[in-house]
Protein backbone atom coordinates (compact mmCIF):
# COMPACT_ATOMS: atom_id res chain seq x y z
CA MET A 1 0.00 0.00 0.00
CA SER A 2 2.96 2.33 0.62
CA GLY A 3 4.77 1.51 -2.65
CA PRO A 4 5.12 3.75 -5.69
CA PRO A 5 1.82 4.61 -7.42
CA ASP A 6 2.70 2.59 -10.52
CA ALA A 7 3.99 -0.48 -8.69
CA GLY A 8 2.44 -3.89 -9.22
CA VAL A 9 1.84 -6.58 -11.77
CA LEU A 10 -0.42 -6.04 -14.77
CA HIS A 11 -1.74 -9.17 -16.47
CA LEU A 12 -2.71 -8.31 -20.02
CA SER A 13 -3.62 -10.00 -23.27
CA VAL A 14 -2.63 -8.45 -26.61
CA LEU A 15 -3.35 -9.63 -30.14
CA PRO A 16 -0.13 -10.99 -31.70
CA THR A 17 0.22 -8.64 -34.69
CA PHE A 18 -0.48 -5.50 -32.65
CA ALA A 19 1.93 -6.68 -29.97
CA ALA A 20 4.73 -7.41 -32.42
CA LYS A 21 4.29 -4.46 -34.78
CA TRP A 22 3.17 -1.64 -32.49
CA LEU A 23 3.26 -2.32 -28.75
CA ILE A 24 6.49 -4.21 -28.05
CA PRO A 25 8.79 -1.76 -29.90
CA ARG A 26 7.42 0.97 -27.61
CA LEU A 27 7.48 -0.96 -24.32
CA PRO A 28 11.04 0.06 -23.36
CA ALA A 29 9.70 3.62 -23.03
CA PHE A 30 6.92 2.39 -20.74
CA GLN A 31 9.33 0.42 -18.56
CA ALA A 32 11.69 3.40 -18.36
CA ALA A 33 8.85 5.64 -17.21
CA HIS A 34 7.32 3.04 -14.86
CA PRO A 35 10.14 0.76 -13.64
CA ARG A 36 8.07 -0.66 -10.77
CA ALA A 37 5.27 -1.87 -13.05
CA VAL A 38 5.59 -5.49 -14.18
CA LEU A 39 3.80 -6.64 -17.33
CA GLN A 40 2.76 -10.28 -17.53
CA PHE A 41 1.31 -11.34 -20.89
CA VAL A 42 -1.56 -13.83 -20.92
CA PRO A 43 -1.94 -15.90 -24.14
CA SER A 44 -4.20 -13.97 -26.51
CA ALA A 45 -6.25 -17.10 -27.21
CA GLN A 46 -7.43 -16.92 -23.60
CA GLY A 47 -7.65 -13.20 -23.56
CA TYR A 48 -11.07 -11.83 -22.92
CA ASP A 49 -12.42 -13.67 -19.91
CA PHE A 50 -12.22 -11.10 -17.14
CA ALA A 51 -13.56 -13.63 -14.69
CA ARG A 52 -10.00 -15.01 -14.74
CA ALA A 53 -7.91 -13.87 -11.80
CA ASP A 54 -4.85 -13.57 -14.04
CA LEU A 55 -6.31 -11.10 -16.56
CA ASP A 56 -6.55 -7.38 -15.84
CA CYS A 57 -6.89 -5.89 -19.32
CA ALA A 58 -6.79 -6.82 -22.99
CA ILE A 59 -6.20 -5.09 -26.29
CA ARG A 60 -8.76 -6.45 -28.71
CA TYR A 61 -9.80 -5.49 -32.23
CA GLY A 62 -13.35 -4.86 -33.37
CA GLU A 63 -16.32 -2.56 -33.09
CA GLY A 64 -17.47 -3.65 -29.63
CA PRO A 65 -19.13 -3.55 -27.26
CA TRP A 66 -17.43 -6.12 -25.06
CA PRO A 67 -19.87 -7.17 -22.32
CA GLY A 68 -18.59 -6.68 -18.80
CA ALA A 69 -15.76 -4.35 -19.77
CA VAL A 70 -14.92 -0.75 -20.42
CA ALA A 71 -13.63 -0.47 -24.02
CA GLU A 72 -11.53 2.55 -24.98
CA PRO A 73 -10.40 3.10 -28.59
CA VAL A 74 -6.63 3.05 -28.90
CA THR A 75 -5.70 3.15 -32.59
CA GLY A 76 -6.33 1.29 -35.84
CA HIS A 77 -9.42 3.09 -37.14
CA GLU A 78 -7.61 4.13 -40.32
CA MET A 79 -7.26 1.34 -42.86
CA THR A 80 -5.02 1.27 -45.93
CA LEU A 81 -5.50 -0.81 -49.06
CA ILE A 82 -2.22 -2.60 -49.80
CA ALA A 83 -0.93 -4.65 -52.72
CA ALA A 84 2.30 -6.30 -53.78
CA PRO A 85 4.67 -4.21 -55.91
CA PRO A 86 3.74 -4.32 -59.62
CA ARG A 87 4.49 -7.65 -61.30
CA GLU A 88 4.33 -8.77 -64.90
CA GLY A 89 1.03 -10.43 -65.71
CA VAL A 90 -0.81 -8.92 -62.72
CA ALA A 91 -3.63 -6.50 -63.49
CA PRO A 92 -2.85 -2.91 -62.46
CA LEU A 93 -4.72 -1.37 -59.55
CA GLU A 94 -5.11 2.28 -60.39
CA ARG A 95 -8.71 3.09 -59.39
CA PRO A 96 -11.22 1.62 -56.92
CA ALA A 97 -13.08 -0.41 -59.55
CA ASP A 98 -9.85 -2.31 -60.32
CA VAL A 99 -10.20 -4.32 -57.09
CA ALA A 100 -12.56 -6.55 -59.09
CA GLN A 101 -9.48 -7.90 -60.89
CA HIS A 102 -7.78 -8.97 -57.66
CA ARG A 103 -8.34 -11.55 -54.94
CA LEU A 104 -9.53 -9.98 -51.70
CA LEU A 105 -7.89 -11.05 -48.44
CA GLN A 106 -10.27 -10.99 -45.51
CA HIS A 107 -9.77 -10.82 -41.75
CA VAL A 108 -12.18 -13.36 -40.26
CA ASN A 109 -13.02 -11.08 -37.33
CA VAL A 110 -13.59 -7.97 -39.46
CA PRO A 111 -16.02 -9.26 -42.10
CA ARG A 112 -17.44 -5.84 -43.05
CA ALA A 113 -14.22 -4.04 -43.95
CA TRP A 114 -14.32 -4.63 -47.71
CA ALA A 115 -18.07 -3.98 -47.85
CA GLN A 116 -17.54 -0.62 -46.12
CA TRP A 117 -14.69 0.26 -48.46
CA CYS A 118 -16.68 -0.69 -51.59
CA GLU A 119 -19.70 1.26 -50.37
CA ARG A 120 -17.62 4.35 -49.72
CA HIS A 121 -16.11 4.24 -53.24
CA ALA A 122 -19.30 3.11 -55.03
CA VAL A 123 -17.61 -0.08 -56.23
CA THR A 124 -20.03 -2.67 -57.59
CA GLY A 125 -19.62 -6.08 -59.13
CA VAL A 126 -17.34 -7.25 -56.31
CA ASN A 127 -18.16 -9.86 -53.68
CA PRO A 128 -16.86 -8.03 -50.57
CA HIS A 129 -17.03 -11.26 -48.56
CA GLY A 130 -15.17 -13.43 -51.07
CA GLY A 131 -11.51 -14.30 -51.29
CA ILE A 132 -9.27 -15.86 -48.67
CA GLN A 133 -9.93 -15.52 -44.95
CA LEU A 134 -7.05 -15.14 -42.50
CA ASP A 135 -7.13 -14.66 -38.74
CA GLN A 136 -4.30 -12.15 -38.21
CA TYR A 137 -3.36 -8.91 -39.91
CA GLY A 138 0.26 -10.02 -39.88
CA ALA A 139 -0.70 -12.99 -42.04
CA ILE A 140 -2.63 -10.72 -44.41
CA VAL A 141 0.40 -8.44 -44.85
CA ARG A 142 2.65 -11.43 -45.57
CA ALA A 143 0.10 -12.85 -48.01
CA VAL A 144 -0.12 -9.52 -49.85
CA ALA A 145 3.67 -9.29 -50.08
CA ALA A 146 3.71 -12.80 -51.55
CA GLY A 147 1.25 -11.79 -54.26
CA LEU A 148 -1.70 -13.77 -52.95
CA GLY A 149 -4.13 -10.87 -53.13
CA ILE A 150 -4.87 -7.38 -51.82
CA GLY A 151 -5.74 -6.44 -48.27
CA LEU A 152 -7.21 -3.77 -46.04
CA VAL A 153 -5.13 -3.41 -42.89
CA PRO A 154 -4.78 -0.85 -40.09
CA SER A 155 -2.30 1.77 -41.23
CA CYS A 156 -0.48 1.65 -37.90
CA LEU A 157 0.70 -1.92 -38.60
CA ILE A 158 2.43 -1.49 -41.95
CA GLU A 159 4.86 1.41 -41.60
CA ASP A 160 7.92 -0.84 -41.80
CA GLU A 161 6.66 -2.88 -44.77
CA LEU A 162 5.78 0.28 -46.70
CA ALA A 163 9.19 1.78 -45.97
CA ARG A 164 10.93 -1.38 -47.23
CA GLY A 165 8.70 -1.59 -50.32
CA GLU A 166 7.44 -5.07 -49.45
CA VAL A 167 3.88 -3.84 -49.96
CA ILE A 168 2.60 -0.65 -51.56
CA PRO A 169 -0.51 1.54 -51.29
CA PRO A 170 -1.51 1.40 -54.98
CA LEU A 171 -4.17 4.10 -54.71
CA SER A 172 -3.94 7.67 -53.52
CA ASP A 173 -4.51 8.40 -49.84
CA GLU A 174 -7.95 9.77 -50.67
CA THR A 175 -9.14 6.49 -52.20
CA GLY A 176 -6.84 3.92 -50.64
CA ARG A 177 -7.51 4.86 -47.04
CA PHE A 178 -10.69 5.03 -45.05
CA VAL A 179 -11.79 5.21 -41.45
CA ALA A 180 -13.35 1.93 -40.34
CA GLN A 181 -15.72 1.39 -37.46
CA ALA A 182 -13.45 -1.24 -35.93
CA ALA A 183 -10.30 -0.35 -33.99
CA TYR A 184 -7.90 -1.66 -31.39
CA MET A 185 -9.55 -1.24 -28.00
CA LEU A 186 -8.16 -1.31 -24.47
CA CYS A 187 -10.66 -3.39 -22.52
CA TYR A 188 -10.76 -3.86 -18.76
CA PRO A 189 -13.40 -4.63 -16.11
CA GLU A 190 -14.61 -1.51 -14.33
CA HIS A 191 -13.71 -2.86 -10.90
CA LYS A 192 -10.03 -2.94 -11.94
CA ALA A 193 -9.96 0.59 -13.34
CA SER A 194 -8.00 1.92 -10.36
CA LEU A 195 -5.36 -0.84 -10.37
CA PRO A 196 -2.11 1.19 -10.15
CA ALA A 197 -0.27 -0.65 -12.92
CA LEU A 198 -3.33 -0.40 -15.18
CA VAL A 199 -3.67 3.32 -14.52
CA SER A 200 -0.02 3.78 -15.49
CA PHE A 201 -0.27 1.57 -18.59
CA ARG A 202 -3.52 3.16 -19.76
CA GLY A 203 -2.14 6.69 -19.46
CA TRP A 204 1.11 5.76 -21.19
CA LEU A 205 -0.72 3.89 -23.99
CA HIS A 206 -2.94 6.83 -24.93
CA ALA A 207 0.05 9.20 -24.78
CA ALA A 208 2.07 6.87 -27.04
CA VAL A 209 -0.76 6.78 -29.58
CA GLU A 210 -1.00 10.56 -29.53
CA ALA A 211 2.74 10.84 -30.12
CA SER A 212 2.49 8.39 -33.04
CA ASN A 213 -0.36 10.41 -34.51
CA LYS A 214 1.68 13.60 -34.34
CA ARG A 215 4.67 11.97 -36.01
CA ALA A 216 2.46 10.49 -38.73
CA ALA A 217 0.74 13.84 -39.29
CA ASN A 218 4.14 15.46 -39.77
CA ASP A 219 4.88 12.77 -42.36
CA GLY A 220 1.51 13.38 -44.04
CA ARG A 221 -0.10 10.19 -42.70
CA ALA A 222 -2.54 9.76 -39.83
CA VAL A 223 -2.74 6.44 -38.00
CA ARG A 224 -6.08 6.93 -36.42
């Protein structure tokens, strides 16, 4: 009771792609700011049963709500259409209607993403629920890079792949990006809201997202 305000163990569950691509590279900054807080990761496959004693919070992806939990948007609202670099024999993708010439890659837990994108750009003649279904955005990015199809993924997850040219945004920002209803959410049961390590992690997480947004805005890209 007399320890530092951020002391304690935080048991959390984080989706693998978000953990690997966004969260873990930033965690040294959290640990430097809160050295007495200890993060213990619970397997994401087990990660939304807050009746478990060993789960304090989770970062999930979707539109919500999540029964029995507070759900705060973190990042991931902005989606980017990505494709492999141009290859001989592959139809060009220069305007929204060209998606009809490509295989769509779907995230099984975000079944409305392509339908929302097609509706926004008045694209018809496309089955927005067809194509190949995958269960992680990391797998979708790898599949796109391999030439298996095109994908819609949260912009915050693909900065490195875009910089290396492994995948490209074939359309302009105005047409290739859109704000989806789903996002990464920080979820936690209300009775644990005042847990010191959670208070510290929650405050740091939102500040880290804001810093990322500012950097992206300076580069001409928003991640939210």
